[in-house]
Amino acid sequence: MVAEAVKVGERRYRESYGRCLEDFEPGDIYEHRPGRTISEADNTWFTLLTMNQHPVHFDHEYARHSEFGKPLVNSTLTLSIVAGMSVSDTSQKAIANLGWSDIKMPAPVFHGDTLYAESEVIEKRESKSRPTQGIVSIDTRAYNQDGTLVMSYRRQMLVPKRGHSVEDRIDAARAEKAKGE
């Protein structure tokens, strides 16, 4: 999503990202940019941080003898980067992630690969128990620099309706405070 400038005062604007429930339409596809090139350091640090001790991620000699011939990028790093790429378009205003499903990795990711991603709105509906919120389902796909699909997944998010986001609450609190001063 292109950042929206929200007027917050006289000649004062705040950058705003994300979408409210009303902004999602099934069938819409959001291309997430910029792309992200994954370095060896990214992969090694993430692998060790998460205590994944599989040598195919950080031992070049071990990986050389694997069917891939070189180190693989940790799949949960790929998932984390792709999910992060989608935040400004899909979930910057979300209240919560409700679930992830159908995570698939049809092709490997290697050091030096650049990832690009897109998300398609599959479904949206109003929450049955929360009248100021709704549930949005998206399918996200990630491709490498050659256009090869390397990951896909479905995600459900709890999203506020317009006027009910955390940003809206902050603005209301500031306005109330300003009245009292």
N, C-alpha and C. Protein backbone atom coordinates (compact mmCIF):
# COMPACT_ATOMS: atom_id res chain seq x y z
N MET A 1 0.85 -1.17 0.00
CA MET A 1 0.00 0.00 0.00
C MET A 1 0.89 1.23 0.00
N VAL A 2 0.57 2.18 -0.81
CA VAL A 2 1.29 3.44 -0.79
C VAL A 2 0.95 4.13 0.52
N ALA A 3 1.96 4.66 1.18
CA ALA A 3 1.72 5.32 2.45
C ALA A 3 0.74 6.47 2.25
N GLU A 4 -0.21 6.51 3.13
CA GLU A 4 -1.19 7.58 3.13
C GLU A 4 -0.72 8.68 4.06
N ALA A 5 -0.88 9.91 3.69
CA ALA A 5 -0.57 11.01 4.59
C ALA A 5 -1.87 11.44 5.27
N VAL A 6 -1.89 11.31 6.58
CA VAL A 6 -3.07 11.67 7.35
C VAL A 6 -2.80 13.00 8.01
N LYS A 7 -3.70 13.96 7.81
CA LYS A 7 -3.53 15.27 8.41
C LYS A 7 -3.81 15.15 9.91
N VAL A 8 -2.83 15.55 10.72
CA VAL A 8 -2.99 15.46 12.17
C VAL A 8 -2.91 16.82 12.85
N GLY A 9 -2.77 17.86 12.07
CA GLY A 9 -2.71 19.22 12.62
C GLY A 9 -2.50 20.21 11.49
N GLU A 10 -2.41 21.46 11.86
CA GLU A 10 -2.18 22.51 10.88
C GLU A 10 -0.82 22.29 10.24
N ARG A 11 -0.82 22.04 8.92
CA ARG A 11 0.39 21.80 8.14
C ARG A 11 1.23 20.67 8.71
N ARG A 12 0.53 19.66 9.28
CA ARG A 12 1.23 18.51 9.88
C ARG A 12 0.55 17.23 9.42
N TYR A 13 1.37 16.28 8.92
CA TYR A 13 0.85 15.04 8.37
C TYR A 13 1.62 13.85 8.94
N ARG A 14 0.95 12.74 9.09
CA ARG A 14 1.59 11.53 9.58
C ARG A 14 1.45 10.45 8.51
N GLU A 15 2.56 9.76 8.24
CA GLU A 15 2.54 8.64 7.31
C GLU A 15 1.73 7.51 7.95
N SER A 16 0.90 6.86 7.14
CA SER A 16 0.08 5.76 7.65
C SER A 16 0.08 4.61 6.67
N TYR A 17 0.24 3.41 7.21
CA TYR A 17 0.24 2.19 6.39
C TYR A 17 -0.86 1.27 6.87
N GLY A 18 -1.09 0.24 6.11
CA GLY A 18 -2.04 -0.78 6.51
C GLY A 18 -3.43 -0.50 5.98
N ARG A 19 -4.30 -1.44 6.26
CA ARG A 19 -5.67 -1.36 5.76
C ARG A 19 -6.65 -1.71 6.87
N CYS A 20 -7.80 -1.08 6.79
CA CYS A 20 -8.92 -1.43 7.65
C CYS A 20 -9.80 -2.41 6.89
N LEU A 21 -10.74 -3.01 7.58
CA LEU A 21 -11.58 -4.04 6.97
C LEU A 21 -12.20 -3.57 5.65
N GLU A 22 -12.67 -2.34 5.63
CA GLU A 22 -13.35 -1.82 4.44
C GLU A 22 -12.44 -1.72 3.22
N ASP A 23 -11.13 -1.71 3.45
CA ASP A 23 -10.17 -1.54 2.35
C ASP A 23 -9.84 -2.84 1.62
N PHE A 24 -10.22 -3.97 2.19
CA PHE A 24 -9.93 -5.27 1.57
C PHE A 24 -11.07 -5.69 0.67
N GLU A 25 -10.75 -6.21 -0.51
CA GLU A 25 -11.74 -6.76 -1.42
C GLU A 25 -11.25 -8.10 -1.96
N PRO A 26 -12.03 -9.15 -1.81
CA PRO A 26 -11.61 -10.45 -2.35
C PRO A 26 -11.24 -10.33 -3.83
N GLY A 27 -10.12 -10.96 -4.18
CA GLY A 27 -9.62 -10.90 -5.55
C GLY A 27 -8.52 -9.87 -5.74
N ASP A 28 -8.44 -8.86 -4.85
CA ASP A 28 -7.37 -7.87 -4.96
C ASP A 28 -6.03 -8.53 -4.66
N ILE A 29 -5.00 -8.13 -5.40
CA ILE A 29 -3.64 -8.63 -5.19
C ILE A 29 -2.74 -7.44 -4.92
N TYR A 30 -1.97 -7.54 -3.84
CA TYR A 30 -1.02 -6.50 -3.45
C TYR A 30 0.39 -7.02 -3.70
N GLU A 31 1.15 -6.31 -4.52
CA GLU A 31 2.55 -6.66 -4.76
C GLU A 31 3.39 -5.95 -3.70
N HIS A 32 4.18 -6.73 -2.96
CA HIS A 32 4.97 -6.18 -1.86
C HIS A 32 6.37 -5.83 -2.36
N ARG A 33 6.74 -4.60 -2.20
CA ARG A 33 8.06 -4.13 -2.61
C ARG A 33 8.63 -3.26 -1.51
N PRO A 34 9.94 -3.16 -1.36
CA PRO A 34 10.95 -3.70 -2.25
C PRO A 34 11.17 -5.18 -2.02
N GLY A 35 11.93 -5.78 -2.92
CA GLY A 35 12.35 -7.17 -2.73
C GLY A 35 13.40 -7.22 -1.63
N ARG A 36 13.79 -8.44 -1.28
CA ARG A 36 14.78 -8.60 -0.20
C ARG A 36 15.76 -9.70 -0.60
N THR A 37 17.05 -9.33 -0.70
CA THR A 37 18.09 -10.30 -0.98
C THR A 37 18.57 -10.90 0.35
N ILE A 38 18.62 -12.22 0.41
CA ILE A 38 19.01 -12.90 1.64
C ILE A 38 20.50 -13.20 1.60
N SER A 39 21.21 -12.71 2.61
CA SER A 39 22.66 -12.92 2.68
C SER A 39 22.99 -14.16 3.52
N GLU A 40 24.22 -14.59 3.41
CA GLU A 40 24.68 -15.71 4.23
C GLU A 40 24.60 -15.34 5.71
N ALA A 41 24.95 -14.11 6.03
CA ALA A 41 24.89 -13.68 7.43
C ALA A 41 23.46 -13.73 7.96
N ASP A 42 22.49 -13.27 7.16
CA ASP A 42 21.08 -13.34 7.57
C ASP A 42 20.74 -14.77 7.97
N ASN A 43 21.11 -15.70 7.10
CA ASN A 43 20.75 -17.10 7.30
C ASN A 43 21.45 -17.71 8.51
N THR A 44 22.75 -17.44 8.65
CA THR A 44 23.51 -18.00 9.77
C THR A 44 22.98 -17.44 11.08
N TRP A 45 22.80 -16.13 11.17
CA TRP A 45 22.33 -15.52 12.42
C TRP A 45 20.95 -16.04 12.80
N PHE A 46 20.05 -16.07 11.84
CA PHE A 46 18.69 -16.53 12.13
C PHE A 46 18.69 -17.99 12.56
N THR A 47 19.46 -18.81 11.85
CA THR A 47 19.52 -20.24 12.17
C THR A 47 20.04 -20.45 13.59
N LEU A 48 21.10 -19.76 13.95
CA LEU A 48 21.67 -19.93 15.28
C LEU A 48 20.79 -19.29 16.35
N LEU A 49 20.19 -18.15 16.05
CA LEU A 49 19.28 -17.49 16.99
C LEU A 49 18.11 -18.39 17.36
N THR A 50 17.60 -19.12 16.37
CA THR A 50 16.44 -19.98 16.61
C THR A 50 16.84 -21.39 17.04
N MET A 51 18.13 -21.61 17.25
CA MET A 51 18.67 -22.88 17.73
C MET A 51 18.44 -24.04 16.77
N ASN A 52 18.32 -23.71 15.50
CA ASN A 52 18.20 -24.75 14.48
C ASN A 52 19.62 -25.22 14.17
N GLN A 53 19.94 -26.42 14.53
CA GLN A 53 21.30 -26.90 14.39
C GLN A 53 21.53 -27.76 13.15
N HIS A 54 20.60 -27.70 12.20
CA HIS A 54 20.80 -28.52 11.00
C HIS A 54 21.94 -27.92 10.19
N PRO A 55 23.00 -28.69 9.93
CA PRO A 55 24.18 -28.14 9.26
C PRO A 55 23.96 -27.73 7.81
N VAL A 56 22.86 -28.14 7.19
CA VAL A 56 22.63 -27.75 5.80
C VAL A 56 22.46 -26.23 5.67
N HIS A 57 22.22 -25.55 6.80
CA HIS A 57 22.02 -24.10 6.77
C HIS A 57 23.31 -23.30 6.96
N PHE A 58 24.35 -23.92 7.56
CA PHE A 58 25.53 -23.11 7.87
C PHE A 58 26.88 -23.83 7.70
N ASP A 59 26.86 -25.10 7.32
CA ASP A 59 28.10 -25.86 7.12
C ASP A 59 28.25 -26.11 5.62
N HIS A 60 29.12 -25.33 4.99
CA HIS A 60 29.29 -25.42 3.53
C HIS A 60 29.71 -26.80 3.07
N GLU A 61 30.59 -27.46 3.81
CA GLU A 61 31.04 -28.79 3.41
C GLU A 61 29.89 -29.79 3.49
N TYR A 62 29.15 -29.74 4.56
CA TYR A 62 27.99 -30.63 4.69
C TYR A 62 27.01 -30.37 3.54
N ALA A 63 26.68 -29.10 3.33
CA ALA A 63 25.70 -28.72 2.30
C ALA A 63 26.19 -29.09 0.90
N ARG A 64 27.51 -29.03 0.68
CA ARG A 64 28.07 -29.39 -0.63
C ARG A 64 27.76 -30.84 -0.99
N HIS A 65 27.65 -31.67 0.01
CA HIS A 65 27.37 -33.09 -0.22
C HIS A 65 25.87 -33.41 -0.18
N SER A 66 25.05 -32.40 0.04
CA SER A 66 23.60 -32.61 0.02
C SER A 66 23.10 -32.56 -1.42
N GLU A 67 21.86 -32.88 -1.64
CA GLU A 67 21.32 -32.83 -2.99
C GLU A 67 21.27 -31.41 -3.55
N PHE A 68 21.40 -30.41 -2.68
CA PHE A 68 21.34 -29.01 -3.13
C PHE A 68 22.71 -28.46 -3.50
N GLY A 69 23.77 -29.06 -2.96
CA GLY A 69 25.13 -28.67 -3.31
C GLY A 69 25.64 -27.40 -2.66
N LYS A 70 24.80 -26.75 -1.90
CA LYS A 70 25.20 -25.52 -1.20
C LYS A 70 24.20 -25.28 -0.06
N PRO A 71 24.54 -24.37 0.88
CA PRO A 71 23.65 -24.14 2.02
C PRO A 71 22.26 -23.64 1.60
N LEU A 72 21.28 -24.17 2.29
CA LEU A 72 19.89 -23.72 2.11
C LEU A 72 19.59 -22.59 3.09
N VAL A 73 18.76 -21.66 2.67
CA VAL A 73 18.25 -20.67 3.60
C VAL A 73 17.21 -21.37 4.48
N ASN A 74 17.28 -21.13 5.76
CA ASN A 74 16.34 -21.67 6.74
C ASN A 74 14.92 -21.29 6.30
N SER A 75 14.04 -22.27 6.19
CA SER A 75 12.69 -22.00 5.68
C SER A 75 11.90 -21.06 6.58
N THR A 76 12.17 -21.09 7.89
CA THR A 76 11.43 -20.15 8.75
C THR A 76 11.95 -18.73 8.61
N LEU A 77 13.20 -18.57 8.16
CA LEU A 77 13.68 -17.22 7.82
C LEU A 77 12.96 -16.74 6.58
N THR A 78 12.82 -17.61 5.59
CA THR A 78 12.07 -17.23 4.38
C THR A 78 10.66 -16.82 4.76
N LEU A 79 10.00 -17.61 5.59
CA LEU A 79 8.64 -17.28 6.03
C LEU A 79 8.61 -15.94 6.76
N SER A 80 9.57 -15.71 7.62
CA SER A 80 9.61 -14.45 8.38
C SER A 80 9.81 -13.24 7.46
N ILE A 81 10.71 -13.37 6.51
CA ILE A 81 10.96 -12.25 5.59
C ILE A 81 9.73 -11.98 4.72
N VAL A 82 9.15 -13.04 4.18
CA VAL A 82 7.98 -12.86 3.31
C VAL A 82 6.81 -12.26 4.10
N ALA A 83 6.57 -12.77 5.29
CA ALA A 83 5.50 -12.19 6.12
C ALA A 83 5.79 -10.72 6.41
N GLY A 84 7.05 -10.42 6.74
CA GLY A 84 7.41 -9.02 7.01
C GLY A 84 7.21 -8.13 5.80
N MET A 85 7.50 -8.65 4.61
CA MET A 85 7.31 -7.85 3.39
C MET A 85 5.84 -7.47 3.21
N SER A 86 4.94 -8.30 3.72
CA SER A 86 3.51 -8.07 3.49
C SER A 86 2.86 -7.15 4.52
N VAL A 87 3.54 -6.86 5.61
CA VAL A 87 2.91 -6.15 6.72
C VAL A 87 2.36 -4.78 6.32
N SER A 88 3.15 -3.96 5.64
CA SER A 88 2.69 -2.60 5.36
C SER A 88 1.42 -2.59 4.51
N ASP A 89 1.23 -3.61 3.66
CA ASP A 89 0.03 -3.68 2.83
C ASP A 89 -1.14 -4.37 3.52
N THR A 90 -0.86 -5.41 4.28
CA THR A 90 -1.96 -6.25 4.74
C THR A 90 -2.26 -6.20 6.22
N SER A 91 -1.25 -6.07 7.06
CA SER A 91 -1.52 -6.25 8.49
C SER A 91 -0.95 -5.17 9.40
N GLN A 92 -0.54 -4.04 8.86
CA GLN A 92 0.01 -2.97 9.69
C GLN A 92 -1.01 -2.49 10.73
N LYS A 93 -2.29 -2.55 10.40
CA LYS A 93 -3.33 -2.13 11.33
C LYS A 93 -3.99 -3.33 12.04
N ALA A 94 -3.56 -4.54 11.72
CA ALA A 94 -4.21 -5.73 12.28
C ALA A 94 -4.13 -5.76 13.80
N ILE A 95 -5.11 -6.37 14.40
CA ILE A 95 -5.16 -6.53 15.84
C ILE A 95 -4.41 -7.81 16.23
N ALA A 96 -4.56 -8.84 15.40
CA ALA A 96 -3.90 -10.12 15.69
C ALA A 96 -3.86 -11.00 14.46
N ASN A 97 -2.83 -11.83 14.39
CA ASN A 97 -2.82 -12.94 13.45
C ASN A 97 -3.66 -14.04 14.08
N LEU A 98 -4.57 -14.60 13.33
CA LEU A 98 -5.44 -15.65 13.86
C LEU A 98 -4.97 -17.04 13.46
N GLY A 99 -4.21 -17.13 12.39
CA GLY A 99 -3.72 -18.44 12.00
C GLY A 99 -2.97 -18.41 10.68
N TRP A 100 -2.16 -19.43 10.51
CA TRP A 100 -1.37 -19.65 9.31
C TRP A 100 -1.66 -21.07 8.87
N SER A 101 -1.82 -21.29 7.59
CA SER A 101 -2.06 -22.65 7.12
C SER A 101 -1.49 -22.82 5.72
N ASP A 102 -1.45 -24.07 5.29
CA ASP A 102 -1.04 -24.41 3.93
C ASP A 102 0.31 -23.81 3.54
N ILE A 103 1.25 -23.80 4.49
CA ILE A 103 2.59 -23.28 4.18
C ILE A 103 3.29 -24.30 3.29
N LYS A 104 3.71 -23.84 2.11
CA LYS A 104 4.37 -24.72 1.15
C LYS A 104 5.68 -24.07 0.69
N MET A 105 6.68 -24.92 0.45
CA MET A 105 7.98 -24.47 -0.03
C MET A 105 8.36 -25.31 -1.24
N PRO A 106 7.83 -24.95 -2.42
CA PRO A 106 8.03 -25.79 -3.61
C PRO A 106 9.42 -25.73 -4.23
N ALA A 107 10.24 -24.77 -3.82
CA ALA A 107 11.60 -24.67 -4.36
C ALA A 107 12.51 -24.12 -3.27
N PRO A 108 13.79 -24.51 -3.30
CA PRO A 108 14.72 -24.04 -2.26
C PRO A 108 15.09 -22.57 -2.44
N VAL A 109 15.53 -21.97 -1.33
CA VAL A 109 16.06 -20.60 -1.33
C VAL A 109 17.51 -20.68 -0.88
N PHE A 110 18.38 -19.96 -1.60
CA PHE A 110 19.81 -19.98 -1.33
C PHE A 110 20.31 -18.57 -1.01
N HIS A 111 21.51 -18.50 -0.39
CA HIS A 111 22.15 -17.20 -0.15
C HIS A 111 22.23 -16.45 -1.48
N GLY A 112 21.93 -15.18 -1.45
CA GLY A 112 22.00 -14.37 -2.66
C GLY A 112 20.70 -14.29 -3.43
N ASP A 113 19.73 -15.14 -3.10
CA ASP A 113 18.42 -15.05 -3.76
C ASP A 113 17.70 -13.79 -3.30
N THR A 114 16.99 -13.17 -4.22
CA THR A 114 16.16 -12.01 -3.89
C THR A 114 14.71 -12.45 -3.96
N LEU A 115 13.98 -12.17 -2.89
CA LEU A 115 12.58 -12.55 -2.80
C LEU A 115 11.66 -11.38 -3.10
N TYR A 116 10.59 -11.69 -3.80
CA TYR A 116 9.50 -10.74 -4.06
C TYR A 116 8.22 -11.45 -3.64
N ALA A 117 7.25 -10.70 -3.17
CA ALA A 117 6.04 -11.35 -2.67
C ALA A 117 4.80 -10.59 -3.10
N GLU A 118 3.68 -11.32 -3.05
CA GLU A 118 2.38 -10.73 -3.31
C GLU A 118 1.35 -11.44 -2.46
N SER A 119 0.29 -10.71 -2.12
CA SER A 119 -0.80 -11.30 -1.33
C SER A 119 -2.11 -11.05 -2.04
N GLU A 120 -2.94 -12.08 -2.05
CA GLU A 120 -4.27 -11.99 -2.65
C GLU A 120 -5.32 -12.13 -1.56
N VAL A 121 -6.28 -11.21 -1.56
CA VAL A 121 -7.37 -11.27 -0.59
C VAL A 121 -8.31 -12.40 -1.02
N ILE A 122 -8.52 -13.36 -0.15
CA ILE A 122 -9.36 -14.51 -0.44
C ILE A 122 -10.77 -14.30 0.11
N GLU A 123 -10.84 -13.77 1.32
CA GLU A 123 -12.14 -13.61 1.97
C GLU A 123 -12.05 -12.53 3.03
N LYS A 124 -13.16 -11.84 3.25
CA LYS A 124 -13.28 -10.94 4.39
C LYS A 124 -14.70 -11.06 4.92
N ARG A 125 -14.81 -10.91 6.21
CA ARG A 125 -16.14 -10.94 6.83
C ARG A 125 -16.09 -10.17 8.14
N GLU A 126 -17.22 -9.70 8.56
CA GLU A 126 -17.31 -9.03 9.85
C GLU A 126 -17.21 -10.07 10.95
N SER A 127 -16.63 -9.69 12.07
CA SER A 127 -16.54 -10.59 13.21
C SER A 127 -17.93 -10.76 13.81
N LYS A 128 -18.24 -11.98 14.23
CA LYS A 128 -19.54 -12.25 14.86
C LYS A 128 -19.56 -11.77 16.30
N SER A 129 -18.41 -11.70 16.94
CA SER A 129 -18.36 -11.33 18.36
C SER A 129 -17.76 -9.95 18.62
N ARG A 130 -17.17 -9.34 17.61
CA ARG A 130 -16.53 -8.03 17.78
C ARG A 130 -17.04 -7.08 16.70
N PRO A 131 -18.02 -6.26 17.01
CA PRO A 131 -18.67 -5.44 15.98
C PRO A 131 -17.79 -4.39 15.31
N THR A 132 -16.64 -4.05 15.89
CA THR A 132 -15.77 -3.04 15.28
C THR A 132 -14.60 -3.68 14.53
N GLN A 133 -14.68 -5.00 14.31
CA GLN A 133 -13.56 -5.71 13.69
C GLN A 133 -14.07 -6.75 12.68
N GLY A 134 -13.14 -7.26 11.89
CA GLY A 134 -13.48 -8.30 10.92
C GLY A 134 -12.30 -9.22 10.71
N ILE A 135 -12.55 -10.28 9.95
CA ILE A 135 -11.52 -11.28 9.67
C ILE A 135 -11.23 -11.26 8.17
N VAL A 136 -9.94 -11.19 7.85
CA VAL A 136 -9.49 -11.18 6.47
C VAL A 136 -8.57 -12.38 6.27
N SER A 137 -8.80 -13.11 5.17
CA SER A 137 -7.93 -14.22 4.78
C SER A 137 -7.18 -13.84 3.52
N ILE A 138 -5.87 -14.05 3.53
CA ILE A 138 -5.05 -13.75 2.36
C ILE A 138 -4.18 -14.96 2.02
N ASP A 139 -3.88 -15.09 0.75
CA ASP A 139 -2.89 -16.06 0.28
C ASP A 139 -1.67 -15.25 -0.14
N THR A 140 -0.52 -15.59 0.42
CA THR A 140 0.72 -14.90 0.08
C THR A 140 1.63 -15.86 -0.67
N ARG A 141 2.26 -15.33 -1.72
CA ARG A 141 3.18 -16.11 -2.54
C ARG A 141 4.50 -15.35 -2.65
N ALA A 142 5.59 -16.10 -2.59
CA ALA A 142 6.92 -15.50 -2.73
C ALA A 142 7.65 -16.14 -3.90
N TYR A 143 8.34 -15.30 -4.65
CA TYR A 143 9.09 -15.74 -5.83
C TYR A 143 10.53 -15.27 -5.69
N ASN A 144 11.45 -16.04 -6.27
CA ASN A 144 12.84 -15.57 -6.30
C ASN A 144 13.04 -14.67 -7.52
N GLN A 145 14.27 -14.24 -7.71
CA GLN A 145 14.61 -13.30 -8.79
C GLN A 145 14.34 -13.87 -10.18
N ASP A 146 14.23 -15.18 -10.30
CA ASP A 146 13.95 -15.82 -11.59
C ASP A 146 12.46 -16.04 -11.82
N GLY A 147 11.63 -15.64 -10.84
CA GLY A 147 10.19 -15.85 -10.96
C GLY A 147 9.73 -17.22 -10.49
N THR A 148 10.63 -17.99 -9.86
CA THR A 148 10.28 -19.31 -9.35
C THR A 148 9.53 -19.17 -8.03
N LEU A 149 8.38 -19.83 -7.92
CA LEU A 149 7.63 -19.82 -6.67
C LEU A 149 8.43 -20.58 -5.61
N VAL A 150 8.77 -19.90 -4.51
CA VAL A 150 9.55 -20.55 -3.45
C VAL A 150 8.76 -20.76 -2.17
N MET A 151 7.63 -20.06 -2.01
CA MET A 151 6.83 -20.22 -0.80
C MET A 151 5.42 -19.71 -1.04
N SER A 152 4.47 -20.35 -0.37
CA SER A 152 3.09 -19.84 -0.35
C SER A 152 2.46 -20.23 0.98
N TYR A 153 1.49 -19.45 1.40
CA TYR A 153 0.77 -19.76 2.63
C TYR A 153 -0.53 -18.96 2.68
N ARG A 154 -1.42 -19.38 3.56
CA ARG A 154 -2.66 -18.65 3.84
C ARG A 154 -2.57 -18.11 5.26
N ARG A 155 -3.05 -16.88 5.43
CA ARG A 155 -3.04 -16.25 6.76
C ARG A 155 -4.37 -15.60 7.01
N GLN A 156 -4.85 -15.72 8.24
CA GLN A 156 -6.07 -15.02 8.67
C GLN A 156 -5.69 -13.99 9.72
N MET A 157 -6.30 -12.80 9.59
CA MET A 157 -5.99 -11.70 10.50
C MET A 157 -7.28 -11.07 11.02
N LEU A 158 -7.22 -10.60 12.24
CA LEU A 158 -8.30 -9.81 12.82
C LEU A 158 -7.96 -8.35 12.55
N VAL A 159 -8.85 -7.66 11.85
CA VAL A 159 -8.56 -6.31 11.36
C VAL A 159 -9.66 -5.35 11.85
N PRO A 160 -9.29 -4.13 12.25
CA PRO A 160 -10.31 -3.19 12.70
C PRO A 160 -11.08 -2.59 11.53
N LYS A 161 -12.29 -2.17 11.83
CA LYS A 161 -13.03 -1.36 10.86
C LYS A 161 -12.48 0.06 10.96
N ARG A 162 -12.73 0.84 9.93
CA ARG A 162 -12.27 2.22 9.89
C ARG A 162 -12.79 2.97 11.13
N GLY A 163 -11.91 3.72 11.75
CA GLY A 163 -12.27 4.48 12.94
C GLY A 163 -12.05 3.72 14.25
N HIS A 164 -11.58 2.47 14.16
CA HIS A 164 -11.42 1.65 15.36
C HIS A 164 -10.03 1.04 15.49
N SER A 165 -9.04 1.58 14.79
CA SER A 165 -7.68 1.05 14.88
C SER A 165 -6.98 1.61 16.11
N VAL A 166 -5.85 1.04 16.45
CA VAL A 166 -5.05 1.56 17.56
C VAL A 166 -4.65 3.00 17.27
N GLU A 167 -4.29 3.31 16.02
CA GLU A 167 -3.95 4.70 15.65
C GLU A 167 -5.11 5.63 15.96
N ASP A 168 -6.35 5.19 15.66
CA ASP A 168 -7.52 6.02 15.94
C ASP A 168 -7.67 6.27 17.44
N ARG A 169 -7.39 5.26 18.25
CA ARG A 169 -7.47 5.42 19.71
C ARG A 169 -6.41 6.40 20.22
N ILE A 170 -5.20 6.29 19.66
CA ILE A 170 -4.13 7.21 20.05
C ILE A 170 -4.51 8.63 19.70
N ASP A 171 -5.02 8.83 18.48
CA ASP A 171 -5.42 10.17 18.05
C ASP A 171 -6.53 10.72 18.95
N ALA A 172 -7.48 9.89 19.32
CA ALA A 172 -8.58 10.33 20.20
C ALA A 172 -8.04 10.70 21.57
N ALA A 173 -7.10 9.93 22.10
CA ALA A 173 -6.51 10.23 23.41
C ALA A 173 -5.74 11.54 23.36
N ARG A 174 -5.01 11.76 22.28
CA ARG A 174 -4.25 13.03 22.13
C ARG A 174 -5.20 14.22 22.04
N ALA A 175 -6.28 14.04 21.28
CA ALA A 175 -7.26 15.12 21.13
C ALA A 175 -7.91 15.44 22.48
N GLU A 176 -8.22 14.42 23.24
CA GLU A 176 -8.83 14.61 24.56
C GLU A 176 -7.86 15.32 25.49
N LYS A 177 -6.61 14.93 25.43
CA LYS A 177 -5.58 15.56 26.27
C LYS A 177 -5.42 17.03 25.90
N ALA A 178 -5.42 17.31 24.57
CA ALA A 178 -5.25 18.69 24.11
C ALA A 178 -6.41 19.58 24.57
N LYS A 179 -7.61 19.01 24.64
CA LYS A 179 -8.77 19.78 25.13
C LYS A 179 -8.60 20.19 26.57
N GLY A 180 -8.00 19.32 27.37
CA GLY A 180 -7.84 19.57 28.79
C GLY A 180 -6.72 20.53 29.12
N GLU A 181 -5.87 20.81 28.15
CA GLU A 181 -4.71 21.71 28.43
C GLU A 181 -5.05 23.15 28.24
